[in-house]
Amino acid sequence: MPARSADIPEMDTGWPIFVAAGAALCALVAAASRWWHGKQLAALAARLAKSERAREYALQQAAQARQQIEKLQRDIAAARRAGAAAAPTSRTPTSRREPAKVPTLSDSPALPMPASGFADTQPL
């Protein structure tokens, strides 16, 4: 066997450890990322389910309100028909009353107004 020469470097055998450590680190980051994003997705799925329940409830309430409005409109129409049937066919004009007169300051005898229409100013 020939002797080793001093100018030929030896082969570095530590690189497989760095590759294995890098792969382990990548696997750890992937597992942590999967856990974190799975947790976020579960929270978003819960929010979506809650939103869907609220939407379904709102649709149910709107349908119920529509039914109530339709029933009230039918009742109003029936009442109008019944009122029209009971009302006399010719209306006689009723006597009109004069509207009540609203008192004003000029009508009051207790408060005489000056000729100019403005109250006199008095110093304090």
N, C-alpha and C. Protein backbone atom coordinates (compact mmCIF):
# COMPACT_ATOMS: atom_id res chain seq x y z
N MET A 1 0.82 -1.17 0.00
CA MET A 1 0.00 0.00 0.00
C MET A 1 0.87 1.24 0.00
N PRO A 2 0.42 2.12 -0.85
CA PRO A 2 1.22 3.35 -0.92
C PRO A 2 0.91 4.24 0.28
N ALA A 3 1.77 5.02 0.65
CA ALA A 3 1.63 5.96 1.77
C ALA A 3 0.81 7.16 1.32
N ARG A 4 0.12 7.73 2.23
CA ARG A 4 -0.71 8.88 1.89
C ARG A 4 0.13 10.10 1.75
N SER A 5 -0.25 10.88 0.84
CA SER A 5 0.47 12.12 0.59
C SER A 5 -0.13 13.20 1.49
N ALA A 6 0.63 14.14 1.90
CA ALA A 6 0.19 15.21 2.80
C ALA A 6 -0.69 16.21 2.08
N ASP A 7 -0.59 16.38 0.78
CA ASP A 7 -1.38 17.39 0.07
C ASP A 7 -2.75 16.86 -0.39
N ILE A 8 -3.09 15.61 -0.17
CA ILE A 8 -4.42 15.11 -0.55
C ILE A 8 -5.30 15.16 0.72
N PRO A 9 -6.38 15.94 0.67
CA PRO A 9 -7.23 16.04 1.88
C PRO A 9 -8.03 14.75 2.06
N GLU A 10 -8.38 14.51 3.33
CA GLU A 10 -9.20 13.34 3.63
C GLU A 10 -10.66 13.65 3.33
N MET A 11 -11.43 12.63 3.07
CA MET A 11 -12.84 12.80 2.76
C MET A 11 -13.59 13.15 4.04
N ASP A 12 -14.49 14.18 3.93
CA ASP A 12 -15.26 14.61 5.10
C ASP A 12 -16.46 13.68 5.24
N THR A 13 -16.59 13.01 6.36
CA THR A 13 -17.67 12.05 6.57
C THR A 13 -18.77 12.59 7.50
N GLY A 14 -18.78 13.90 7.84
CA GLY A 14 -19.78 14.48 8.73
C GLY A 14 -21.02 14.98 8.02
N TRP A 15 -21.00 15.02 6.71
CA TRP A 15 -22.15 15.59 5.98
C TRP A 15 -23.42 14.77 6.11
N PRO A 16 -23.39 13.44 6.24
CA PRO A 16 -24.66 12.71 6.40
C PRO A 16 -25.42 13.12 7.67
N ILE A 17 -24.69 13.52 8.70
CA ILE A 17 -25.34 13.96 9.94
C ILE A 17 -26.12 15.25 9.68
N PHE A 18 -25.52 16.18 8.92
CA PHE A 18 -26.20 17.45 8.60
C PHE A 18 -27.43 17.21 7.72
N VAL A 19 -27.33 16.29 6.81
CA VAL A 19 -28.47 15.98 5.94
C VAL A 19 -29.60 15.37 6.78
N ALA A 20 -29.26 14.45 7.67
CA ALA A 20 -30.27 13.83 8.52
C ALA A 20 -30.89 14.87 9.46
N ALA A 21 -30.09 15.78 10.00
CA ALA A 21 -30.62 16.84 10.87
C ALA A 21 -31.54 17.77 10.09
N GLY A 22 -31.17 18.11 8.87
CA GLY A 22 -32.01 18.95 8.02
C GLY A 22 -33.34 18.28 7.70
N ALA A 23 -33.29 16.99 7.39
CA ALA A 23 -34.52 16.25 7.10
C ALA A 23 -35.41 16.17 8.34
N ALA A 24 -34.81 15.95 9.50
CA ALA A 24 -35.58 15.90 10.75
C ALA A 24 -36.21 17.26 11.04
N LEU A 25 -35.47 18.34 10.80
CA LEU A 25 -36.00 19.68 11.01
C LEU A 25 -37.16 19.97 10.05
N CYS A 26 -37.03 19.56 8.81
CA CYS A 26 -38.11 19.74 7.83
C CYS A 26 -39.36 18.96 8.27
N ALA A 27 -39.16 17.74 8.75
CA ALA A 27 -40.29 16.93 9.21
C ALA A 27 -40.95 17.58 10.43
N LEU A 28 -40.15 18.14 11.33
CA LEU A 28 -40.69 18.81 12.51
C LEU A 28 -41.50 20.05 12.11
N VAL A 29 -40.97 20.85 11.19
CA VAL A 29 -41.67 22.05 10.73
C VAL A 29 -42.97 21.66 10.01
N ALA A 30 -42.92 20.61 9.21
CA ALA A 30 -44.12 20.16 8.51
C ALA A 30 -45.18 19.68 9.50
N ALA A 31 -44.78 18.95 10.53
CA ALA A 31 -45.74 18.48 11.53
C ALA A 31 -46.33 19.65 12.31
N ALA A 32 -45.49 20.62 12.69
CA ALA A 32 -45.99 21.79 13.42
C ALA A 32 -46.92 22.61 12.53
N SER A 33 -46.58 22.74 11.27
CA SER A 33 -47.42 23.49 10.34
C SER A 33 -48.76 22.79 10.15
N ARG A 34 -48.73 21.48 10.03
CA ARG A 34 -49.98 20.72 9.87
C ARG A 34 -50.86 20.87 11.10
N TRP A 35 -50.27 20.82 12.29
CA TRP A 35 -51.04 20.98 13.52
C TRP A 35 -51.65 22.38 13.60
N TRP A 36 -50.83 23.41 13.34
CA TRP A 36 -51.30 24.80 13.42
C TRP A 36 -52.42 25.08 12.42
N HIS A 37 -52.20 24.68 11.19
CA HIS A 37 -53.21 24.95 10.16
C HIS A 37 -54.46 24.08 10.36
N GLY A 38 -54.28 22.89 10.88
CA GLY A 38 -55.44 22.05 11.20
C GLY A 38 -56.29 22.71 12.28
N LYS A 39 -55.62 23.30 13.27
CA LYS A 39 -56.33 24.01 14.33
C LYS A 39 -57.08 25.21 13.76
N GLN A 40 -56.45 25.97 12.88
CA GLN A 40 -57.08 27.13 12.25
C GLN A 40 -58.27 26.70 11.38
N LEU A 41 -58.11 25.61 10.63
CA LEU A 41 -59.20 25.11 9.79
C LEU A 41 -60.38 24.65 10.63
N ALA A 42 -60.10 24.03 11.78
CA ALA A 42 -61.19 23.59 12.66
C ALA A 42 -61.95 24.80 13.20
N ALA A 43 -61.24 25.86 13.56
CA ALA A 43 -61.90 27.07 14.06
C ALA A 43 -62.73 27.72 12.96
N LEU A 44 -62.19 27.76 11.75
CA LEU A 44 -62.95 28.33 10.63
C LEU A 44 -64.17 27.49 10.28
N ALA A 45 -64.03 26.17 10.38
CA ALA A 45 -65.17 25.29 10.11
C ALA A 45 -66.26 25.50 11.16
N ALA A 46 -65.88 25.73 12.41
CA ALA A 46 -66.86 25.99 13.46
C ALA A 46 -67.57 27.32 13.20
N ARG A 47 -66.81 28.35 12.78
CA ARG A 47 -67.42 29.65 12.47
C ARG A 47 -68.38 29.52 11.28
N LEU A 48 -67.99 28.74 10.28
CA LEU A 48 -68.85 28.54 9.11
C LEU A 48 -70.14 27.83 9.51
N ALA A 49 -70.03 26.82 10.35
CA ALA A 49 -71.21 26.08 10.80
C ALA A 49 -72.15 27.01 11.58
N LYS A 50 -71.58 27.84 12.43
CA LYS A 50 -72.39 28.79 13.20
C LYS A 50 -73.08 29.79 12.27
N SER A 51 -72.35 30.25 11.27
CA SER A 51 -72.91 31.19 10.30
C SER A 51 -74.04 30.54 9.51
N GLU A 52 -73.87 29.30 9.13
CA GLU A 52 -74.91 28.58 8.39
C GLU A 52 -76.15 28.40 9.24
N ARG A 53 -75.95 28.08 10.54
CA ARG A 53 -77.11 27.94 11.43
C ARG A 53 -77.84 29.28 11.54
N ALA A 54 -77.11 30.37 11.66
CA ALA A 54 -77.74 31.70 11.75
C ALA A 54 -78.47 32.04 10.46
N ARG A 55 -77.90 31.68 9.32
CA ARG A 55 -78.54 31.94 8.04
C ARG A 55 -79.84 31.15 7.92
N GLU A 56 -79.79 29.88 8.30
CA GLU A 56 -81.00 29.04 8.25
C GLU A 56 -82.09 29.61 9.17
N TYR A 57 -81.69 30.07 10.35
CA TYR A 57 -82.65 30.65 11.28
C TYR A 57 -83.26 31.92 10.70
N ALA A 58 -82.43 32.76 10.07
CA ALA A 58 -82.93 33.99 9.46
C ALA A 58 -83.89 33.68 8.32
N LEU A 59 -83.58 32.67 7.52
CA LEU A 59 -84.49 32.28 6.44
C LEU A 59 -85.82 31.77 6.99
N GLN A 60 -85.74 31.02 8.07
CA GLN A 60 -86.96 30.51 8.71
C GLN A 60 -87.80 31.67 9.24
N GLN A 61 -87.15 32.63 9.88
CA GLN A 61 -87.88 33.79 10.42
C GLN A 61 -88.49 34.62 9.29
N ALA A 62 -87.75 34.78 8.19
CA ALA A 62 -88.27 35.55 7.05
C ALA A 62 -89.49 34.85 6.45
N ALA A 63 -89.44 33.54 6.33
CA ALA A 63 -90.58 32.80 5.79
C ALA A 63 -91.79 32.93 6.71
N GLN A 64 -91.55 32.86 8.00
CA GLN A 64 -92.64 33.01 8.96
C GLN A 64 -93.23 34.43 8.88
N ALA A 65 -92.38 35.43 8.75
CA ALA A 65 -92.86 36.81 8.61
C ALA A 65 -93.67 36.97 7.33
N ARG A 66 -93.22 36.37 6.24
CA ARG A 66 -93.98 36.44 5.00
C ARG A 66 -95.37 35.83 5.16
N GLN A 67 -95.44 34.69 5.83
CA GLN A 67 -96.73 34.05 6.06
C GLN A 67 -97.64 34.94 6.90
N GLN A 68 -97.07 35.57 7.93
CA GLN A 68 -97.88 36.45 8.77
C GLN A 68 -98.37 37.66 7.97
N ILE A 69 -97.51 38.21 7.13
CA ILE A 69 -97.91 39.37 6.30
C ILE A 69 -99.03 38.97 5.35
N GLU A 70 -98.90 37.80 4.72
CA GLU A 70 -99.96 37.34 3.81
C GLU A 70 -101.28 37.17 4.55
N LYS A 71 -101.22 36.59 5.76
CA LYS A 71 -102.44 36.41 6.54
C LYS A 71 -103.05 37.75 6.90
N LEU A 72 -102.23 38.70 7.33
CA LEU A 72 -102.74 40.03 7.68
C LEU A 72 -103.34 40.73 6.47
N GLN A 73 -102.73 40.58 5.31
CA GLN A 73 -103.28 41.19 4.10
C GLN A 73 -104.62 40.57 3.73
N ARG A 74 -104.75 39.25 3.89
CA ARG A 74 -106.03 38.61 3.64
C ARG A 74 -107.08 39.10 4.62
N ASP A 75 -106.69 39.25 5.89
CA ASP A 75 -107.64 39.75 6.89
C ASP A 75 -108.07 41.18 6.59
N ILE A 76 -107.13 42.02 6.18
CA ILE A 76 -107.45 43.40 5.83
C ILE A 76 -108.39 43.44 4.63
N ALA A 77 -108.11 42.63 3.62
CA ALA A 77 -108.98 42.60 2.44
C ALA A 77 -110.38 42.13 2.82
N ALA A 78 -110.48 41.14 3.68
CA ALA A 78 -111.79 40.65 4.11
C ALA A 78 -112.52 41.73 4.91
N ALA A 79 -111.80 42.44 5.76
CA ALA A 79 -112.42 43.51 6.55
C ALA A 79 -112.88 44.65 5.64
N ARG A 80 -112.11 44.95 4.63
CA ARG A 80 -112.52 46.01 3.69
C ARG A 80 -113.76 45.59 2.92
N ARG A 81 -113.81 44.32 2.48
CA ARG A 81 -114.99 43.84 1.78
C ARG A 81 -116.21 43.88 2.68
N ALA A 82 -116.03 43.47 3.94
CA ALA A 82 -117.14 43.48 4.89
C ALA A 82 -117.57 44.92 5.19
N GLY A 83 -116.62 45.83 5.30
CA GLY A 83 -116.93 47.24 5.55
C GLY A 83 -117.61 47.88 4.37
N ALA A 84 -117.21 47.51 3.16
CA ALA A 84 -117.82 48.06 1.96
C ALA A 84 -119.25 47.56 1.81
N ALA A 85 -119.50 46.33 2.20
CA ALA A 85 -120.85 45.77 2.11
C ALA A 85 -121.76 46.41 3.15
N ALA A 86 -121.25 46.75 4.31
CA ALA A 86 -122.06 47.32 5.38
C ALA A 86 -122.24 48.82 5.22
N ALA A 87 -121.39 49.49 4.46
CA ALA A 87 -121.46 50.94 4.32
C ALA A 87 -122.64 51.31 3.43
N PRO A 88 -123.29 52.46 3.69
CA PRO A 88 -124.39 52.89 2.83
C PRO A 88 -123.87 53.24 1.44
N THR A 89 -124.72 53.07 0.45
CA THR A 89 -124.30 53.30 -0.93
C THR A 89 -124.17 54.77 -1.24
N SER A 90 -125.05 55.63 -0.68
CA SER A 90 -124.91 57.06 -0.94
C SER A 90 -124.63 57.76 0.38
N ARG A 91 -123.64 58.55 0.38
CA ARG A 91 -123.25 59.25 1.59
C ARG A 91 -123.85 60.65 1.55
N THR A 92 -124.48 61.00 2.60
CA THR A 92 -125.02 62.36 2.70
C THR A 92 -123.97 63.25 3.33
N PRO A 93 -123.81 64.45 2.81
CA PRO A 93 -122.80 65.32 3.40
C PRO A 93 -123.22 65.75 4.80
N THR A 94 -122.30 65.66 5.70
CA THR A 94 -122.58 66.07 7.07
C THR A 94 -122.31 67.56 7.19
N SER A 95 -122.90 68.18 8.20
CA SER A 95 -122.70 69.62 8.37
C SER A 95 -121.27 69.87 8.81
N ARG A 96 -120.71 70.87 8.21
CA ARG A 96 -119.31 71.18 8.53
C ARG A 96 -119.29 72.13 9.71
N ARG A 97 -118.41 71.86 10.60
CA ARG A 97 -118.26 72.74 11.75
C ARG A 97 -117.14 73.72 11.46
N GLU A 98 -117.25 74.89 12.05
CA GLU A 98 -116.18 75.88 11.94
C GLU A 98 -115.06 75.45 12.86
N PRO A 99 -113.83 75.58 12.39
CA PRO A 99 -112.72 75.23 13.29
C PRO A 99 -112.66 76.20 14.45
N ALA A 100 -112.22 75.69 15.57
CA ALA A 100 -112.11 76.53 16.77
C ALA A 100 -111.08 77.62 16.53
N LYS A 101 -111.38 78.81 17.02
CA LYS A 101 -110.47 79.93 16.84
C LYS A 101 -109.37 79.84 17.89
N VAL A 102 -108.16 79.98 17.45
CA VAL A 102 -107.01 79.92 18.34
C VAL A 102 -106.78 81.33 18.89
N PRO A 103 -106.74 81.47 20.20
CA PRO A 103 -106.53 82.81 20.74
C PRO A 103 -105.11 83.30 20.45
N THR A 104 -104.99 84.57 20.19
CA THR A 104 -103.68 85.19 19.95
C THR A 104 -103.44 86.24 21.00
N LEU A 105 -102.24 86.78 21.03
CA LEU A 105 -101.90 87.80 22.02
C LEU A 105 -102.68 89.09 21.77
N SER A 106 -102.95 89.39 20.53
CA SER A 106 -103.68 90.63 20.24
C SER A 106 -105.12 90.54 20.70
N ASP A 107 -105.68 89.33 20.88
CA ASP A 107 -107.04 89.16 21.35
C ASP A 107 -107.15 89.31 22.85
N SER A 108 -106.07 89.26 23.57
CA SER A 108 -106.09 89.28 25.02
C SER A 108 -106.26 90.71 25.53
N PRO A 109 -107.29 90.98 26.34
CA PRO A 109 -107.47 92.34 26.85
C PRO A 109 -106.51 92.66 27.99
N ALA A 110 -105.92 91.66 28.64
CA ALA A 110 -105.05 91.91 29.78
C ALA A 110 -103.69 92.44 29.35
N LEU A 111 -103.29 92.21 28.14
CA LEU A 111 -101.97 92.63 27.69
C LEU A 111 -102.11 93.71 26.61
N PRO A 112 -102.13 94.96 27.01
CA PRO A 112 -102.23 96.00 25.98
C PRO A 112 -100.93 96.09 25.21
N MET A 113 -101.01 96.21 23.93
CA MET A 113 -99.82 96.31 23.08
C MET A 113 -99.60 97.79 22.73
N PRO A 114 -98.37 98.26 22.70
CA PRO A 114 -98.10 99.62 22.29
C PRO A 114 -98.45 99.78 20.80
N ALA A 115 -98.55 100.99 20.37
CA ALA A 115 -98.93 101.27 18.99
C ALA A 115 -97.90 100.78 18.00
N SER A 116 -96.62 100.76 18.41
CA SER A 116 -95.57 100.30 17.49
C SER A 116 -95.57 98.79 17.33
N GLY A 117 -96.18 98.09 18.25
CA GLY A 117 -96.21 96.65 18.18
C GLY A 117 -95.08 95.99 18.94
N PHE A 118 -94.16 96.78 19.50
CA PHE A 118 -93.02 96.25 20.25
C PHE A 118 -93.14 96.70 21.68
N ALA A 119 -92.77 95.86 22.60
CA ALA A 119 -92.79 96.22 24.02
C ALA A 119 -91.68 97.22 24.30
N ASP A 120 -91.94 98.11 25.25
CA ASP A 120 -90.91 99.08 25.65
C ASP A 120 -89.77 98.36 26.35
N THR A 121 -88.56 98.80 26.08
CA THR A 121 -87.40 98.22 26.74
C THR A 121 -87.15 98.98 28.03
N GLN A 122 -86.82 98.22 29.03
CA GLN A 122 -86.58 98.84 30.32
C GLN A 122 -85.20 98.43 30.80
N PRO A 123 -84.40 99.42 31.27
CA PRO A 123 -83.08 99.06 31.78
C PRO A 123 -83.22 98.29 33.09
N LEU A 124 -82.23 97.52 33.37
CA LEU A 124 -82.25 96.72 34.59
C LEU A 124 -81.90 97.50 35.79
